[in-house]
PDB file of N, CA and C in Angstrom:
ATOM      1  N   MET A   1     100.963  75.490  46.487  1.00  0.00           N
ATOM      2  CA  MET A   1     100.520  75.091  44.769  1.00  0.00           C
ATOM      3  C   MET A   1     100.822  74.245  44.432  1.00  0.00           C
ATOM      4  N   LYS A   2      99.608  74.271  43.110  1.00  0.00           N
ATOM      5  CA  LYS A   2     100.106  73.507  42.033  1.00  0.00           C
ATOM      6  C   LYS A   2     100.829  73.154  40.609  1.00  0.00           C
ATOM      7  N   HIS A   3     101.051  74.345  40.448  1.00  0.00           N
ATOM      8  CA  HIS A   3     102.064  73.470  39.770  1.00  0.00           C
ATOM      9  C   HIS A   3     103.504  73.933  40.054  1.00  0.00           C
ATOM     10  N   ALA A   4     103.992  74.034  40.830  1.00  0.00           N
ATOM     11  CA  ALA A   4     105.583  74.308  41.617  1.00  0.00           C
ATOM     12  C   ALA A   4     106.128  73.686  40.693  1.00  0.00           C
ATOM     13  N   ASP A   5     105.946  72.960  39.382  1.00  0.00           N
ATOM     14  CA  ASP A   5     106.743  72.668  38.658  1.00  0.00           C
ATOM     15  C   ASP A   5     106.855  73.492  37.133  1.00  0.00           C
ATOM     16  N   ARG A   6     106.237  74.392  36.798  1.00  0.00           N
ATOM     17  CA  ARG A   6     106.234  75.189  36.134  1.00  0.00           C
ATOM     18  C   ARG A   6     106.911  76.310  35.982  1.00  0.00           C
ATOM     19  N   LEU A   7     105.840  76.915  37.527  1.00  0.00           N
ATOM     20  CA  LEU A   7     107.298  78.178  38.328  1.00  0.00           C
ATOM     21  C   LEU A   7     108.564  77.511  37.796  1.00  0.00           C
ATOM     22  N   GLU A   8     108.925  76.741  38.624  1.00  0.00           N
ATOM     23  CA  GLU A   8     110.496  76.219  38.268  1.00  0.00           C
ATOM     24  C   GLU A   8     110.977  76.331  36.785  1.00  0.00           C
ATOM     25  N   ARG A   9     110.319  75.837  36.336  1.00  0.00           N
ATOM     26  CA  ARG A   9     110.858  75.748  34.852  1.00  0.00           C
ATOM     27  C   ARG A   9     110.702  77.508  34.156  1.00  0.00           C
ATOM     28  N   LEU A  10     109.558  78.023  34.542  1.00  0.00           N
ATOM     29  CA  LEU A  10     109.595  79.544  34.123  1.00  0.00           C
ATOM     30  C   LEU A  10     110.567  80.509  34.360  1.00  0.00           C
ATOM     31  N   ILE A  11     111.428  80.506  35.732  1.00  0.00           N
ATOM     32  CA  ILE A  11     112.469  80.467  36.678  1.00  0.00           C
ATOM     33  C   ILE A  11     113.648  80.385  36.140  1.00  0.00           C
ATOM     34  N   LEU A  12     114.161  79.348  35.761  1.00  0.00           N
ATOM     35  CA  LEU A  12     114.674  78.196  35.500  1.00  0.00           C
ATOM     36  C   LEU A  12     114.486  79.648  33.941  1.00  0.00           C
ATOM     37  N   ILE A  13     113.820  79.515  32.524  1.00  0.00           N
ATOM     38  CA  ILE A  13     114.289  79.857  31.325  1.00  0.00           C
ATOM     39  C   ILE A  13     114.587  81.302  31.557  1.00  0.00           C
ATOM     40  N   MET A  14     114.200  82.003  33.017  1.00  0.00           N
ATOM     41  CA  MET A  14     113.935  83.126  32.910  1.00  0.00           C
ATOM     42  C   MET A  14     115.664  83.834  33.576  1.00  0.00           C
ATOM     43  N   VAL A  15     116.368  82.877  34.471  1.00  0.00           N
ATOM     44  CA  VAL A  15     117.877  82.996  34.990  1.00  0.00           C
ATOM     45  C   VAL A  15     118.333  83.050  34.134  1.00  0.00           C
ATOM     46  N   LEU A  16     118.452  81.546  32.725  1.00  0.00           N
ATOM     47  CA  LEU A  16     119.743  80.856  31.483  1.00  0.00           C
ATOM     48  C   LEU A  16     119.321  82.612  30.172  1.00  0.00           C
ATOM     49  N   ALA A  17     118.104  82.965  29.808  1.00  0.00           N
ATOM     50  CA  ALA A  17     117.664  83.961  28.809  1.00  0.00           C
ATOM     51  C   ALA A  17     118.805  85.489  29.602  1.00  0.00           C
ATOM     52  N   MET A  18     118.977  85.831  31.378  1.00  0.00           N
ATOM     53  CA  MET A  18     119.835  86.490  31.516  1.00  0.00           C
ATOM     54  C   MET A  18     120.699  86.954  31.749  1.00  0.00           C
ATOM     55  N   HIS A  19     121.305  85.124  31.697  1.00  0.00           N
ATOM     56  CA  HIS A  19     122.827  85.221  31.726  1.00  0.00           C
ATOM     57  C   HIS A  19     123.375  84.421  30.161  1.00  0.00           C
ATOM     58  N   TRP A  20     123.113  84.871  29.379  1.00  0.00           N
ATOM     59  CA  TRP A  20     122.674  84.528  27.942  1.00  0.00           C
ATOM     60  C   TRP A  20     122.306  86.186  27.551  1.00  0.00           C
ATOM     61  N   CYS A  21     121.696  87.576  27.871  1.00  0.00           N
ATOM     62  CA  CYS A  21     121.870  88.395  27.044  1.00  0.00           C
ATOM     63  C   CYS A  21     123.315  89.394  28.327  1.00  0.00           C
ATOM     64  N   VAL A  22     123.387  88.656  29.413  1.00  0.00           N
ATOM     65  CA  VAL A  22     124.807  89.328  29.630  1.00  0.00           C
ATOM     66  C   VAL A  22     125.784  89.838  29.342  1.00  0.00           C
ATOM     67  N   ARG A  23     126.009  87.954  29.374  1.00  0.00           N
ATOM     68  CA  ARG A  23     127.201  87.116  28.617  1.00  0.00           C
ATOM     69  C   ARG A  23     127.483  88.104  27.491  1.00  0.00           C
ATOM     70  N   ILE A  24     126.431  88.709  26.692  1.00  0.00           N
ATOM     71  CA  ILE A  24     125.995  88.904  24.833  1.00  0.00           C
ATOM     72  C   ILE A  24     126.514  90.525  24.703  1.00  0.00           C
ATOM     73  N   GLY A  25     126.630  90.936  26.012  1.00  0.00           N
ATOM     74  CA  GLY A  25     126.467  92.521  25.796  1.00  0.00           C
ATOM     75  C   GLY A  25     127.764  92.203  26.370  1.00  0.00           C
ATOM     76  N   GLN A  26     128.729  91.583  27.282  1.00  0.00           N
ATOM     77  CA  GLN A  26     129.651  91.824  28.286  1.00  0.00           C
ATOM     78  C   GLN A  26     130.896  91.922  26.561  1.00  0.00           C
ATOM     79  N   ASP A  27     130.456  90.560  26.175  1.00  0.00           N
ATOM     80  CA  ASP A  27     131.567  90.077  24.669  1.00  0.00           C
ATOM     81  C   ASP A  27     130.708  91.219  23.652  1.00  0.00           C
ATOM     82  N   ASN A  28     130.025  92.227  22.850  1.00  0.00           N
ATOM     83  CA  ASN A  28     129.692  93.299  22.617  1.00  0.00           C
ATOM     84  C   ASN A  28     130.943  94.951  22.306  1.00  0.00           C
ATOM     85  N   ALA A  29     130.374  94.855  24.530  1.00  0.00           N
ATOM     86  CA  ALA A  29     131.800  96.252  24.508  1.00  0.00           C
ATOM     87  C   ALA A  29     132.481  95.617  24.596  1.00  0.00           C
ATOM     88  N   PHE A  30     133.332  94.131  24.519  1.00  0.00           N
ATOM     89  CA  PHE A  30     134.793  94.147  24.713  1.00  0.00           C
ATOM     90  C   PHE A  30     135.086  94.227  22.905  1.00  0.00           C
ATOM     91  N   TYR A  31     134.663  94.080  22.342  1.00  0.00           N
ATOM     92  CA  TYR A  31     134.383  93.094  20.426  1.00  0.00           C
ATOM     93  C   TYR A  31     134.370  94.759  20.284  1.00  0.00           C
ATOM     94  N   TYR A  32     133.047  95.608  20.391  1.00  0.00           N
ATOM     95  CA  TYR A  32     132.892  96.970  20.365  1.00  0.00           C
ATOM     96  C   TYR A  32     132.191  97.932  21.144  1.00  0.00           C
ATOM     97  N   PRO A  33     133.297  98.705  21.491  1.00  0.00           N
ATOM     98  CA  PRO A  33     133.942 100.001  22.137  1.00  0.00           C
ATOM     99  C   PRO A  33     133.133 100.826  21.817  1.00  0.00           C
ATOM    100  N   ASN A  34     132.722 101.626  22.470  1.00  0.00           N
ATOM    101  CA  ASN A  34     132.005 102.808  21.710  1.00  0.00           C
ATOM    102  C   ASN A  34     132.544 103.701  22.065  1.00  0.00           C
ATOM    103  N   ALA A  35     132.782 105.480  21.995  1.00  0.00           N
ATOM    104  CA  ALA A  35     134.021 106.548  21.202  1.00  0.00           C
ATOM    105  C   ALA A  35     134.606 106.837  22.911  1.00  0.00           C
ATOM    106  N   PRO A  36     133.639 107.034  23.482  1.00  0.00           N
ATOM    107  CA  PRO A  36     134.431 107.577  25.131  1.00  0.00           C
ATOM    108  C   PRO A  36     135.251 106.096  25.277  1.00  0.00           C
ATOM    109  N   GLU A  37     134.730 105.161  25.025  1.00  0.00           N
ATOM    110  CA  GLU A  37     135.946 103.855  26.151  1.00  0.00           C
ATOM    111  C   GLU A  37     136.695 104.140  24.468  1.00  0.00           C
ATOM    112  N   LYS A  38     136.702 104.146  23.997  1.00  0.00           N
ATOM    113  CA  LYS A  38     137.827 104.266  22.420  1.00  0.00           C
ATOM    114  C   LYS A  38     138.674 105.071  23.152  1.00  0.00           C
ATOM    115  N   ASN A  39     138.655 106.287  23.260  1.00  0.00           N
ATOM    116  CA  ASN A  39     139.108 107.766  23.347  1.00  0.00           C
ATOM    117  C   ASN A  39     139.787 107.377  25.005  1.00  0.00           C
ATOM    118  N   GLU A  40     139.142 106.535  25.664  1.00  0.00           N
ATOM    119  CA  GLU A  40     140.528 106.703  27.197  1.00  0.00           C
ATOM    120  C   GLU A  40     140.659 106.079  27.589  1.00  0.00           C
ATOM    121  N   LYS A  41     141.454 105.201  26.068  1.00  0.00           N
ATOM    122  CA  LYS A  41     142.231 103.802  26.072  1.00  0.00           C
ATOM    123  C   LYS A  41     143.715 104.329  25.226  1.00  0.00           C
ATOM    124  N   THR A  42     143.428 105.047  24.328  1.00  0.00           N
ATOM    125  CA  THR A  42     144.820 105.969  23.373  1.00  0.00           C
ATOM    126  C   THR A  42     144.543 107.311  23.808  1.00  0.00           C
ATOM    127  N   LYS A  43     144.207 107.684  25.372  1.00  0.00           N
ATOM    128  CA  LYS A  43     144.562 108.923  25.250  1.00  0.00           C
ATOM    129  C   LYS A  43     145.631 109.382  26.459  1.00  0.00           C
ATOM    130  N   ARG A  44     146.361 110.645  26.214  1.00  0.00           N
ATOM    131  CA  ARG A  44     148.183 110.849  26.255  1.00  0.00           C
ATOM    132  C   ARG A  44     147.910 110.331  28.018  1.00  0.00           C
ATOM    133  N   PRO A  45     148.317 109.981  28.555  1.00  0.00           N
ATOM    134  CA  PRO A  45     149.232 109.673  30.516  1.00  0.00           C
ATOM    135  C   PRO A  45     149.067 112.081  30.595  1.00  0.00           C
ATOM    136  N   THR A  46     148.327 111.809  31.190  1.00  0.00           N
ATOM    137  CA  THR A  46     148.559 113.533  32.305  1.00  0.00           C
ATOM    138  C   THR A  46     149.494 113.229  33.189  1.00  0.00           C
ATOM    139  N   ALA A  47     150.388 115.313  33.135  1.00  0.00           N
ATOM    140  CA  ALA A  47     150.998 114.281  34.560  1.00  0.00           C
ATOM    141  C   ALA A  47     151.148 114.342  35.621  1.00  0.00           C
ATOM    142  N   LEU A  48     149.932 114.957  36.203  1.00  0.00           N
ATOM    143  CA  LEU A  48     149.829 113.838  37.848  1.00  0.00           C
ATOM    144  C   LEU A  48     149.668 111.903  37.458  1.00  0.00           C
ATOM    145  N   GLU A  49     149.143 111.427  36.257  1.00  0.00           N
ATOM    146  CA  GLU A  49     149.414 109.279  36.081  1.00  0.00           C
ATOM    147  C   GLU A  49     151.010 109.442  36.231  1.00  0.00           C
ATOM    148  N   PHE A  50     151.382 110.473  35.816  1.00  0.00           N
ATOM    149  CA  PHE A  50     152.893 109.876  36.092  1.00  0.00           C
ATOM    150  C   PHE A  50     153.912 110.252  37.211  1.00  0.00           C
ATOM    151  N   GLN A  51     153.134 110.626  37.569  1.00  0.00           N
ATOM    152  CA  GLN A  51     153.921 111.714  39.184  1.00  0.00           C
ATOM    153  C   GLN A  51     154.195 110.219  40.520  1.00  0.00           C
ATOM    154  N   LYS A  52     151.908 109.642  39.809  1.00  0.00           N
ATOM    155  CA  LYS A  52     151.345 108.236  40.783  1.00  0.00           C
ATOM    156  C   LYS A  52     153.173 107.617  41.562  1.00  0.00           C
ATOM    157  N   THR A  53     153.555 106.451  42.591  1.00  0.00           N
ATOM    158  CA  THR A  53     154.204 105.286  42.947  1.00  0.00           C
ATOM    159  C   THR A  53     153.682 104.558  43.793  1.00  0.00           C
TER     160      THR A  53
END
């Protein structure tokens, strides 16, 4: 391969971009949960959940 350094830089940029996208998505999901996630946190426990020991 004549231009291996270009390929290495391209892969590095793609890895950093993917890491950034995942990090932003995790932060967004944590600070702004969607409706079903909000409901799971606020719903009352069922009788079965109380019986688990």
